[in-house]
Amino acid sequence: MEKIWLNNYPPYSPKTIETDQYESLVEMFEAAIQRHPDIPAYINMGQVLTFRKLEERSRSFAAYLQNELRLKKGDRIALMMPNLLQYPIALFGALRAGLVW
């Protein structure tokens, strides 16, 4: 199959991912933050969320889940939200907190 979508990838974005080099999605996410802190991670409705901002906001959300809601590693949650910039913040925040969905 011809992967025509790869033509739209920015030059800094790899065309393949070595999945065995990461233990988890959080580890892969943290590696991306280190490599590309100021590059857009997500763009939606004219708003840009860089990897650095995504890290800051997902850490804040993880702290909220752990400290305010008292959720613990292994607790289950459900994420039901529209496909907006808040979704990756909630997703990575939940992963950072060790939650399962």
PDB file of N, CA and C in Angstrom:
ATOM      1  N   MET A   1       0.845  -1.168   0.000  1.00  0.00           N
ATOM      2  CA  MET A   1       0.000   0.000   0.000  1.00  0.00           C
ATOM      3  C   MET A   1       0.897   1.240   0.000  1.00  0.00           C
ATOM      4  N   GLU A   2       0.575   2.173  -0.857  1.00  0.00           N
ATOM      5  CA  GLU A   2       1.310   3.427  -0.896  1.00  0.00           C
ATOM      6  C   GLU A   2       0.822   4.326   0.240  1.00  0.00           C
ATOM      7  N   LYS A   3       1.732   4.794   1.043  1.00  0.00           N
ATOM      8  CA  LYS A   3       1.393   5.616   2.216  1.00  0.00           C
ATOM      9  C   LYS A   3       1.472   7.096   1.841  1.00  0.00           C
ATOM     10  N   ILE A   4       0.472   7.561   1.103  1.00  0.00           N
ATOM     11  CA  ILE A   4       0.503   8.927   0.581  1.00  0.00           C
ATOM     12  C   ILE A   4       0.447   9.984   1.680  1.00  0.00           C
ATOM     13  N   TRP A   5      -0.079   9.635   2.851  1.00  0.00           N
ATOM     14  CA  TRP A   5      -0.170  10.594   3.954  1.00  0.00           C
ATOM     15  C   TRP A   5       1.209  11.019   4.451  1.00  0.00           C
ATOM     16  N   LEU A   6       2.222  10.186   4.213  1.00  0.00           N
ATOM     17  CA  LEU A   6       3.574  10.535   4.653  1.00  0.00           C
ATOM     18  C   LEU A   6       4.086  11.790   3.952  1.00  0.00           C
ATOM     19  N   ASN A   7       3.549  12.095   2.781  1.00  0.00           N
ATOM     20  CA  ASN A   7       3.949  13.308   2.059  1.00  0.00           C
ATOM     21  C   ASN A   7       3.582  14.572   2.830  1.00  0.00           C
ATOM     22  N   ASN A   8       2.629  14.477   3.738  1.00  0.00           N
ATOM     23  CA  ASN A   8       2.181  15.635   4.516  1.00  0.00           C
ATOM     24  C   ASN A   8       2.893  15.771   5.855  1.00  0.00           C
ATOM     25  N   TYR A   9       3.755  14.826   6.199  1.00  0.00           N
ATOM     26  CA  TYR A   9       4.490  14.910   7.459  1.00  0.00           C
ATOM     27  C   TYR A   9       5.513  16.042   7.381  1.00  0.00           C
ATOM     28  N   PRO A  10       5.686  16.806   8.464  1.00  0.00           N
ATOM     29  CA  PRO A  10       6.741  17.821   8.471  1.00  0.00           C
ATOM     30  C   PRO A  10       8.115  17.146   8.417  1.00  0.00           C
ATOM     31  N   PRO A  11       9.144  17.864   7.976  1.00  0.00           N
ATOM     32  CA  PRO A  11      10.471  17.262   7.820  1.00  0.00           C
ATOM     33  C   PRO A  11      11.039  16.670   9.113  1.00  0.00           C
ATOM     34  N   TYR A  12      10.695  17.224  10.266  1.00  0.00           N
ATOM     35  CA  TYR A  12      11.246  16.741  11.540  1.00  0.00           C
ATOM     36  C   TYR A  12      10.505  15.518  12.069  1.00  0.00           C
ATOM     37  N   SER A  13       9.424  15.135  11.423  1.00  0.00           N
ATOM     38  CA  SER A  13       8.609  14.020  11.905  1.00  0.00           C
ATOM     39  C   SER A  13       9.046  12.721  11.230  1.00  0.00           C
ATOM     40  N   PRO A  14       9.440  11.707  12.018  1.00  0.00           N
ATOM     41  CA  PRO A  14       9.881  10.451  11.410  1.00  0.00           C
ATOM     42  C   PRO A  14       8.723   9.733  10.714  1.00  0.00           C
ATOM     43  N   LYS A  15       9.063   8.978   9.706  1.00  0.00           N
ATOM     44  CA  LYS A  15       8.050   8.244   8.949  1.00  0.00           C
ATOM     45  C   LYS A  15       7.737   6.890   9.601  1.00  0.00           C
ATOM     46  N   THR A  16       8.609   6.441  10.485  1.00  0.00           N
ATOM     47  CA  THR A  16       8.387   5.195  11.224  1.00  0.00           C
ATOM     48  C   THR A  16       8.727   5.436  12.698  1.00  0.00           C
ATOM     49  N   ILE A  17       8.227   4.556  13.545  1.00  0.00           N
ATOM     50  CA  ILE A  17       8.507   4.632  14.981  1.00  0.00           C
ATOM     51  C   ILE A  17       9.048   3.279  15.428  1.00  0.00           C
ATOM     52  N   GLU A  18      10.160   3.311  16.118  1.00  0.00           N
ATOM     53  CA  GLU A  18      10.723   2.093  16.694  1.00  0.00           C
ATOM     54  C   GLU A  18      10.007   1.828  18.016  1.00  0.00           C
ATOM     55  N   THR A  19       8.966   1.040  17.976  1.00  0.00           N
ATOM     56  CA  THR A  19       8.123   0.852  19.159  1.00  0.00           C
ATOM     57  C   THR A  19       8.822   0.116  20.292  1.00  0.00           C
ATOM     58  N   ASP A  20       9.814  -0.694  19.997  1.00  0.00           N
ATOM     59  CA  ASP A  20      10.466  -1.451  21.066  1.00  0.00           C
ATOM     60  C   ASP A  20      11.449  -0.615  21.879  1.00  0.00           C
ATOM     61  N   GLN A  21      11.692   0.625  21.499  1.00  0.00           N
ATOM     62  CA  GLN A  21      12.615   1.450  22.272  1.00  0.00           C
ATOM     63  C   GLN A  21      11.933   2.154  23.441  1.00  0.00           C
ATOM     64  N   TYR A  22      10.626   2.058  23.554  1.00  0.00           N
ATOM     65  CA  TYR A  22       9.886   2.708  24.635  1.00  0.00           C
ATOM     66  C   TYR A  22       9.128   1.670  25.453  1.00  0.00           C
ATOM     67  N   GLU A  23       9.110   1.880  26.759  1.00  0.00           N
ATOM     68  CA  GLU A  23       8.375   0.990  27.660  1.00  0.00           C
ATOM     69  C   GLU A  23       6.891   1.327  27.703  1.00  0.00           C
ATOM     70  N   SER A  24       6.552   2.594  27.416  1.00  0.00           N
ATOM     71  CA  SER A  24       5.161   3.030  27.538  1.00  0.00           C
ATOM     72  C   SER A  24       4.908   4.237  26.642  1.00  0.00           C
ATOM     73  N   LEU A  25       3.638   4.586  26.497  1.00  0.00           N
ATOM     74  CA  LEU A  25       3.280   5.796  25.759  1.00  0.00           C
ATOM     75  C   LEU A  25       3.830   7.042  26.443  1.00  0.00           C
ATOM     76  N   VAL A  26       3.829   7.038  27.770  1.00  0.00           N
ATOM     77  CA  VAL A  26       4.357   8.193  28.508  1.00  0.00           C
ATOM     78  C   VAL A  26       5.842   8.369  28.208  1.00  0.00           C
ATOM     79  N   GLU A  27       6.585   7.278  28.160  1.00  0.00           N
ATOM     80  CA  GLU A  27       8.013   7.364  27.851  1.00  0.00           C
ATOM     81  C   GLU A  27       8.229   7.900  26.429  1.00  0.00           C
ATOM     82  N   MET A  28       7.421   7.464  25.486  1.00  0.00           N
ATOM     83  CA  MET A  28       7.518   7.959  24.116  1.00  0.00           C
ATOM     84  C   MET A  28       7.169   9.450  24.060  1.00  0.00           C
ATOM     85  N   PHE A  29       6.142   9.832  24.792  1.00  0.00           N
ATOM     86  CA  PHE A  29       5.719  11.225  24.871  1.00  0.00           C
ATOM     87  C   PHE A  29       6.832  12.087  25.460  1.00  0.00           C
ATOM     88  N   GLU A  30       7.455  11.634  26.542  1.00  0.00           N
ATOM     89  CA  GLU A  30       8.525  12.398  27.180  1.00  0.00           C
ATOM     90  C   GLU A  30       9.740  12.542  26.267  1.00  0.00           C
ATOM     91  N   ALA A  31      10.026  11.515  25.470  1.00  0.00           N
ATOM     92  CA  ALA A  31      11.123  11.612  24.503  1.00  0.00           C
ATOM     93  C   ALA A  31      10.808  12.672  23.448  1.00  0.00           C
ATOM     94  N   ALA A  32       9.568  12.727  23.006  1.00  0.00           N
ATOM     95  CA  ALA A  32       9.156  13.737  22.020  1.00  0.00           C
ATOM     96  C   ALA A  32       9.274  15.139  22.610  1.00  0.00           C
ATOM     97  N   ILE A  33       8.942  15.287  23.878  1.00  0.00           N
ATOM     98  CA  ILE A  33       9.062  16.590  24.547  1.00  0.00           C
ATOM     99  C   ILE A  33      10.523  17.040  24.561  1.00  0.00           C
ATOM    100  N   GLN A  34      11.418  16.119  24.871  1.00  0.00           N
ATOM    101  CA  GLN A  34      12.843  16.456  24.921  1.00  0.00           C
ATOM    102  C   GLN A  34      13.373  16.850  23.545  1.00  0.00           C
ATOM    103  N   ARG A  35      12.918  16.152  22.513  1.00  0.00           N
ATOM    104  CA  ARG A  35      13.410  16.426  21.157  1.00  0.00           C
ATOM    105  C   ARG A  35      12.787  17.673  20.538  1.00  0.00           C
ATOM    106  N   HIS A  36      11.510  17.925  20.818  1.00  0.00           N
ATOM    107  CA  HIS A  36      10.770  18.977  20.111  1.00  0.00           C
ATOM    108  C   HIS A  36       9.931  19.834  21.057  1.00  0.00           C
ATOM    109  N   PRO A  37      10.492  20.454  22.073  1.00  0.00           N
ATOM    110  CA  PRO A  37       9.656  21.154  23.059  1.00  0.00           C
ATOM    111  C   PRO A  37       8.794  22.274  22.485  1.00  0.00           C
ATOM    112  N   ASP A  38       9.283  22.959  21.483  1.00  0.00           N
ATOM    113  CA  ASP A  38       8.556  24.124  20.978  1.00  0.00           C
ATOM    114  C   ASP A  38       7.872  23.889  19.632  1.00  0.00           C
ATOM    115  N   ILE A  39       7.840  22.653  19.205  1.00  0.00           N
ATOM    116  CA  ILE A  39       7.158  22.295  17.955  1.00  0.00           C
ATOM    117  C   ILE A  39       5.704  21.965  18.284  1.00  0.00           C
ATOM    118  N   PRO A  40       4.780  22.319  17.414  1.00  0.00           N
ATOM    119  CA  PRO A  40       3.373  21.984  17.671  1.00  0.00           C
ATOM    120  C   PRO A  40       3.158  20.477  17.800  1.00  0.00           C
ATOM    121  N   ALA A  41       2.525  20.080  18.880  1.00  0.00           N
ATOM    122  CA  ALA A  41       2.118  18.688  19.057  1.00  0.00           C
ATOM    123  C   ALA A  41       0.735  18.498  18.450  1.00  0.00           C
ATOM    124  N   TYR A  42      -0.118  19.502  18.629  1.00  0.00           N
ATOM    125  CA  TYR A  42      -1.493  19.474  18.111  1.00  0.00           C
ATOM    126  C   TYR A  42      -1.890  20.874  17.673  1.00  0.00           C
ATOM    127  N   ILE A  43      -2.676  20.923  16.617  1.00  0.00           N
ATOM    128  CA  ILE A  43      -3.266  22.178  16.153  1.00  0.00           C
ATOM    129  C   ILE A  43      -4.751  21.911  15.959  1.00  0.00           C
ATOM    130  N   ASN A  44      -5.581  22.777  16.528  1.00  0.00           N
ATOM    131  CA  ASN A  44      -7.023  22.582  16.421  1.00  0.00           C
ATOM    132  C   ASN A  44      -7.719  23.929  16.476  1.00  0.00           C
ATOM    133  N   MET A  45      -8.593  24.168  15.525  1.00  0.00           N
ATOM    134  CA  MET A  45      -9.397  25.395  15.478  1.00  0.00           C
ATOM    135  C   MET A  45      -8.538  26.653  15.610  1.00  0.00           C
ATOM    136  N   GLY A  46      -7.401  26.649  14.939  1.00  0.00           N
ATOM    137  CA  GLY A  46      -6.522  27.810  14.950  1.00  0.00           C
ATOM    138  C   GLY A  46      -5.643  27.937  16.179  1.00  0.00           C
ATOM    139  N   GLN A  47      -5.753  27.021  17.123  1.00  0.00           N
ATOM    140  CA  GLN A  47      -4.942  27.054  18.344  1.00  0.00           C
ATOM    141  C   GLN A  47      -3.820  26.026  18.236  1.00  0.00           C
ATOM    142  N   VAL A  48      -2.654  26.382  18.741  1.00  0.00           N
ATOM    143  CA  VAL A  48      -1.485  25.508  18.694  1.00  0.00           C
ATOM    144  C   VAL A  48      -1.123  25.090  20.111  1.00  0.00           C
ATOM    145  N   LEU A  49      -0.867  23.809  20.282  1.00  0.00           N
ATOM    146  CA  LEU A  49      -0.416  23.268  21.564  1.00  0.00           C
ATOM    147  C   LEU A  49       0.948  22.629  21.325  1.00  0.00           C
ATOM    148  N   THR A  50       2.015  23.259  21.847  1.00  0.00           N
ATOM    149  CA  THR A  50       3.362  22.715  21.673  1.00  0.00           C
ATOM    150  C   THR A  50       3.561  21.536  22.623  1.00  0.00           C
ATOM    151  N   PHE A  51       4.610  20.768  22.361  1.00  0.00           N
ATOM    152  CA  PHE A  51       4.927  19.660  23.257  1.00  0.00           C
ATOM    153  C   PHE A  51       5.190  20.164  24.671  1.00  0.00           C
ATOM    154  N   ARG A  52       5.847  21.315  24.802  1.00  0.00           N
ATOM    155  CA  ARG A  52       6.134  21.877  26.128  1.00  0.00           C
ATOM    156  C   ARG A  52       4.837  22.206  26.875  1.00  0.00           C
ATOM    157  N   LYS A  53       3.906  22.872  26.193  1.00  0.00           N
ATOM    158  CA  LYS A  53       2.626  23.226  26.826  1.00  0.00           C
ATOM    159  C   LYS A  53       1.818  21.973  27.148  1.00  0.00           C
ATOM    160  N   LEU A  54       1.863  20.997  26.247  1.00  0.00           N
ATOM    161  CA  LEU A  54       1.157  19.740  26.499  1.00  0.00           C
ATOM    162  C   LEU A  54       1.721  19.054  27.736  1.00  0.00           C
ATOM    163  N   GLU A  55       3.040  19.081  27.882  1.00  0.00           N
ATOM    164  CA  GLU A  55       3.654  18.498  29.079  1.00  0.00           C
ATOM    165  C   GLU A  55       3.191  19.228  30.338  1.00  0.00           C
ATOM    166  N   GLU A  56       3.267  20.557  30.319  1.00  0.00           N
ATOM    167  CA  GLU A  56       2.881  21.342  31.499  1.00  0.00           C
ATOM    168  C   GLU A  56       1.426  21.080  31.881  1.00  0.00           C
ATOM    169  N   ARG A  57       0.558  21.118  30.909  1.00  0.00           N
ATOM    170  CA  ARG A  57      -0.871  20.971  31.195  1.00  0.00           C
ATOM    171  C   ARG A  57      -1.233  19.538  31.565  1.00  0.00           C
ATOM    172  N   SER A  58      -0.590  18.557  30.946  1.00  0.00           N
ATOM    173  CA  SER A  58      -0.894  17.173  31.309  1.00  0.00           C
ATOM    174  C   SER A  58      -0.367  16.854  32.710  1.00  0.00           C
ATOM    175  N   ARG A  59       0.774  17.431  33.090  1.00  0.00           N
ATOM    176  CA  ARG A  59       1.276  17.249  34.463  1.00  0.00           C
ATOM    177  C   ARG A  59       0.320  17.887  35.471  1.00  0.00           C
ATOM    178  N   SER A  60      -0.187  19.053  35.144  1.00  0.00           N
ATOM    179  CA  SER A  60      -1.151  19.714  36.036  1.00  0.00           C
ATOM    180  C   SER A  60      -2.417  18.883  36.179  1.00  0.00           C
ATOM    181  N   PHE A  61      -2.896  18.343  35.065  1.00  0.00           N
ATOM    182  CA  PHE A  61      -4.109  17.527  35.120  1.00  0.00           C
ATOM    183  C   PHE A  61      -3.855  16.236  35.896  1.00  0.00           C
ATOM    184  N   ALA A  62      -2.691  15.632  35.716  1.00  0.00           N
ATOM    185  CA  ALA A  62      -2.342  14.428  36.475  1.00  0.00           C
ATOM    186  C   ALA A  62      -2.320  14.733  37.971  1.00  0.00           C
ATOM    187  N   ALA A  63      -1.748  15.876  38.345  1.00  0.00           N
ATOM    188  CA  ALA A  63      -1.717  16.273  39.760  1.00  0.00           C
ATOM    189  C   ALA A  63      -3.129  16.471  40.291  1.00  0.00           C
ATOM    190  N   TYR A  64      -3.998  17.073  39.494  1.00  0.00           N
ATOM    191  CA  TYR A  64      -5.399  17.254  39.896  1.00  0.00           C
ATOM    192  C   TYR A  64      -6.067  15.896  40.128  1.00  0.00           C
ATOM    193  N   LEU A  65      -5.862  14.973  39.214  1.00  0.00           N
ATOM    194  CA  LEU A  65      -6.478  13.648  39.355  1.00  0.00           C
ATOM    195  C   LEU A  65      -5.997  12.949  40.625  1.00  0.00           C
ATOM    196  N   GLN A  66      -4.708  13.079  40.915  1.00  0.00           N
ATOM    197  CA  GLN A  66      -4.135  12.397  42.072  1.00  0.00           C
ATOM    198  C   GLN A  66      -4.429  13.117  43.383  1.00  0.00           C
ATOM    199  N   ASN A  67      -4.291  14.434  43.399  1.00  0.00           N
ATOM    200  CA  ASN A  67      -4.384  15.177  44.656  1.00  0.00           C
ATOM    201  C   ASN A  67      -5.793  15.623  45.014  1.00  0.00           C
ATOM    202  N   GLU A  68      -6.559  16.023  44.028  1.00  0.00           N
ATOM    203  CA  GLU A  68      -7.920  16.503  44.303  1.00  0.00           C
ATOM    204  C   GLU A  68      -8.947  15.374  44.257  1.00  0.00           C
ATOM    205  N   LEU A  69      -8.848  14.538  43.230  1.00  0.00           N
ATOM    206  CA  LEU A  69      -9.819  13.442  43.096  1.00  0.00           C
ATOM    207  C   LEU A  69      -9.370  12.168  43.808  1.00  0.00           C
ATOM    208  N   ARG A  70      -8.128  12.153  44.279  1.00  0.00           N
ATOM    209  CA  ARG A  70      -7.569  11.021  45.033  1.00  0.00           C
ATOM    210  C   ARG A  70      -7.559   9.722  44.224  1.00  0.00           C
ATOM    211  N   LEU A  71      -7.361   9.838  42.913  1.00  0.00           N
ATOM    212  CA  LEU A  71      -7.246   8.641  42.087  1.00  0.00           C
ATOM    213  C   LEU A  71      -5.840   8.087  42.225  1.00  0.00           C
ATOM    214  N   LYS A  72      -5.740   6.762  42.225  1.00  0.00           N
ATOM    215  CA  LYS A  72      -4.462   6.094  42.414  1.00  0.00           C
ATOM    216  C   LYS A  72      -4.095   5.308  41.165  1.00  0.00           C
ATOM    217  N   LYS A  73      -2.812   4.985  41.050  1.00  0.00           N
ATOM    218  CA  LYS A  73      -2.329   4.180  39.933  1.00  0.00           C
ATOM    219  C   LYS A  73      -3.177   2.916  39.826  1.00  0.00           C
ATOM    220  N   GLY A  74      -3.644   2.632  38.620  1.00  0.00           N
ATOM    221  CA  GLY A  74      -4.467   1.454  38.386  1.00  0.00           C
ATOM    222  C   GLY A  74      -5.959   1.716  38.444  1.00  0.00           C
ATOM    223  N   ASP A  75      -6.362   2.873  39.002  1.00  0.00           N
ATOM    224  CA  ASP A  75      -7.791   3.215  39.000  1.00  0.00           C
ATOM    225  C   ASP A  75      -8.257   3.389  37.556  1.00  0.00           C
ATOM    226  N   ARG A  76      -9.533   3.123  37.338  1.00  0.00           N
ATOM    227  CA  ARG A  76     -10.099   3.218  35.989  1.00  0.00           C
ATOM    228  C   ARG A  76     -10.865   4.519  35.815  1.00  0.00           C
ATOM    229  N   ILE A  77     -10.721   5.091  34.620  1.00  0.00           N
ATOM    230  CA  ILE A  77     -11.480   6.287  34.270  1.00  0.00           C
ATOM    231  C   ILE A  77     -12.008   6.123  32.850  1.00  0.00           C
ATOM    232  N   ALA A  78     -12.932   6.988  32.484  1.00  0.00           N
ATOM    233  CA  ALA A  78     -13.421   7.058  31.105  1.00  0.00           C
ATOM    234  C   ALA A  78     -13.239   8.488  30.618  1.00  0.00           C
ATOM    235  N   LEU A  79     -12.764   8.632  29.402  1.00  0.00           N
ATOM    236  CA  LEU A  79     -12.638   9.955  28.788  1.00  0.00           C
ATOM    237  C   LEU A  79     -13.675  10.046  27.676  1.00  0.00           C
ATOM    238  N   MET A  80     -14.683  10.861  27.896  1.00  0.00           N
ATOM    239  CA  MET A  80     -15.701  11.109  26.876  1.00  0.00           C
ATOM    240  C   MET A  80     -15.703  12.598  26.608  1.00  0.00           C
ATOM    241  N   MET A  81     -15.061  12.984  25.539  1.00  0.00           N
ATOM    242  CA  MET A  81     -14.957  14.399  25.221  1.00  0.00           C
ATOM    243  C   MET A  81     -14.772  14.572  23.724  1.00  0.00           C
ATOM    244  N   PRO A  82     -15.045  15.776  23.227  1.00  0.00           N
ATOM    245  CA  PRO A  82     -14.858  16.018  21.800  1.00  0.00           C
ATOM    246  C   PRO A  82     -13.378  16.022  21.429  1.00  0.00           C
ATOM    247  N   ASN A  83     -13.136  15.918  20.150  1.00  0.00           N
ATOM    248  CA  ASN A  83     -11.778  15.887  19.629  1.00  0.00           C
ATOM    249  C   ASN A  83     -11.209  17.309  19.571  1.00  0.00           C
ATOM    250  N   LEU A  84     -10.895  17.850  20.741  1.00  0.00           N
ATOM    251  CA  LEU A  84     -10.339  19.195  20.886  1.00  0.00           C
ATOM    252  C   LEU A  84      -8.999  19.103  21.605  1.00  0.00           C
ATOM    253  N   LEU A  85      -8.329  20.225  21.787  1.00  0.00           N
ATOM    254  CA  LEU A  85      -7.013  20.220  22.427  1.00  0.00           C
ATOM    255  C   LEU A  85      -7.046  19.722  23.867  1.00  0.00           C
ATOM    256  N   GLN A  86      -8.194  19.786  24.506  1.00  0.00           N
ATOM    257  CA  GLN A  86      -8.288  19.297  25.878  1.00  0.00           C
ATOM    258  C   GLN A  86      -8.140  17.770  25.938  1.00  0.00           C
ATOM    259  N   TYR A  87      -8.475  17.089  24.850  1.00  0.00           N
ATOM    260  CA  TYR A  87      -8.414  15.624  24.874  1.00  0.00           C
ATOM    261  C   TYR A  87      -6.992  15.104  25.084  1.00  0.00           C
ATOM    262  N   PRO A  88      -5.983  15.522  24.290  1.00  0.00           N
ATOM    263  CA  PRO A  88      -4.641  15.001  24.561  1.00  0.00           C
ATOM    264  C   PRO A  88      -4.109  15.408  25.935  1.00  0.00           C
ATOM    265  N   ILE A  89      -4.518  16.564  26.432  1.00  0.00           N
ATOM    266  CA  ILE A  89      -4.111  16.966  27.781  1.00  0.00           C
ATOM    267  C   ILE A  89      -4.672  15.972  28.795  1.00  0.00           C
ATOM    268  N   ALA A  90      -5.951  15.649  28.669  1.00  0.00           N
ATOM    269  CA  ALA A  90      -6.585  14.693  29.584  1.00  0.00           C
ATOM    270  C   ALA A  90      -5.994  13.298  29.408  1.00  0.00           C
ATOM    271  N   LEU A  91      -5.776  12.885  28.166  1.00  0.00           N
ATOM    272  CA  LEU A  91      -5.229  11.555  27.894  1.00  0.00           C
ATOM    273  C   LEU A  91      -3.854  11.393  28.527  1.00  0.00           C
ATOM    274  N   PHE A  92      -2.934  12.314  28.227  1.00  0.00           N
ATOM    275  CA  PHE A  92      -1.583  12.189  28.771  1.00  0.00           C
ATOM    276  C   PHE A  92      -1.548  12.457  30.272  1.00  0.00           C
ATOM    277  N   GLY A  93      -2.441  13.284  30.771  1.00  0.00           N
ATOM    278  CA  GLY A  93      -2.543  13.473  32.217  1.00  0.00           C
ATOM    279  C   GLY A  93      -2.956  12.190  32.913  1.00  0.00           C
ATOM    280  N   ALA A  94      -3.932  11.503  32.344  1.00  0.00           N
ATOM    281  CA  ALA A  94      -4.388  10.225  32.914  1.00  0.00           C
ATOM    282  C   ALA A  94      -3.274   9.185  32.849  1.00  0.00           C
ATOM    283  N   LEU A  95      -2.562   9.131  31.726  1.00  0.00           N
ATOM    284  CA  LEU A  95      -1.450   8.185  31.605  1.00  0.00           C
ATOM    285  C   LEU A  95      -0.359   8.494  32.626  1.00  0.00           C
ATOM    286  N   ARG A  96      -0.032   9.766  32.786  1.00  0.00           N
ATOM    287  CA  ARG A  96       0.988  10.158  33.767  1.00  0.00           C
ATOM    288  C   ARG A  96       0.576   9.765  35.186  1.00  0.00           C
ATOM    289  N   ALA A  97      -0.715   9.843  35.470  1.00  0.00           N
ATOM    290  CA  ALA A  97      -1.213   9.496  36.802  1.00  0.00           C
ATOM    291  C   ALA A  97      -1.298   7.983  36.995  1.00  0.00           C
ATOM    292  N   GLY A  98      -1.027   7.225  35.934  1.00  0.00           N
ATOM    293  CA  GLY A  98      -1.065   5.767  36.040  1.00  0.00           C
ATOM    294  C   GLY A  98      -2.458   5.187  35.966  1.00  0.00           C
ATOM    295  N   LEU A  99      -3.385   5.957  35.426  1.00  0.00           N
ATOM    296  CA  LEU A  99      -4.772   5.499  35.356  1.00  0.00           C
ATOM    297  C   LEU A  99      -5.000   4.633  34.125  1.00  0.00           C
ATOM    298  N   VAL A 100      -6.066   3.862  34.178  1.00  0.00           N
ATOM    299  CA  VAL A 100      -6.422   2.926  33.113  1.00  0.00           C
ATOM    300  C   VAL A 100      -7.770   3.322  32.567  1.00  0.00           C
ATOM    301  N   TRP A 101      -7.944   3.230  31.256  1.00  0.00           N
ATOM    302  CA  TRP A 101      -9.263   3.477  30.684  1.00  0.00           C
ATOM    303  C   TRP A 101      -9.600   2.431  29.673  1.00  0.00           C
TER     304      TRP A 101
END
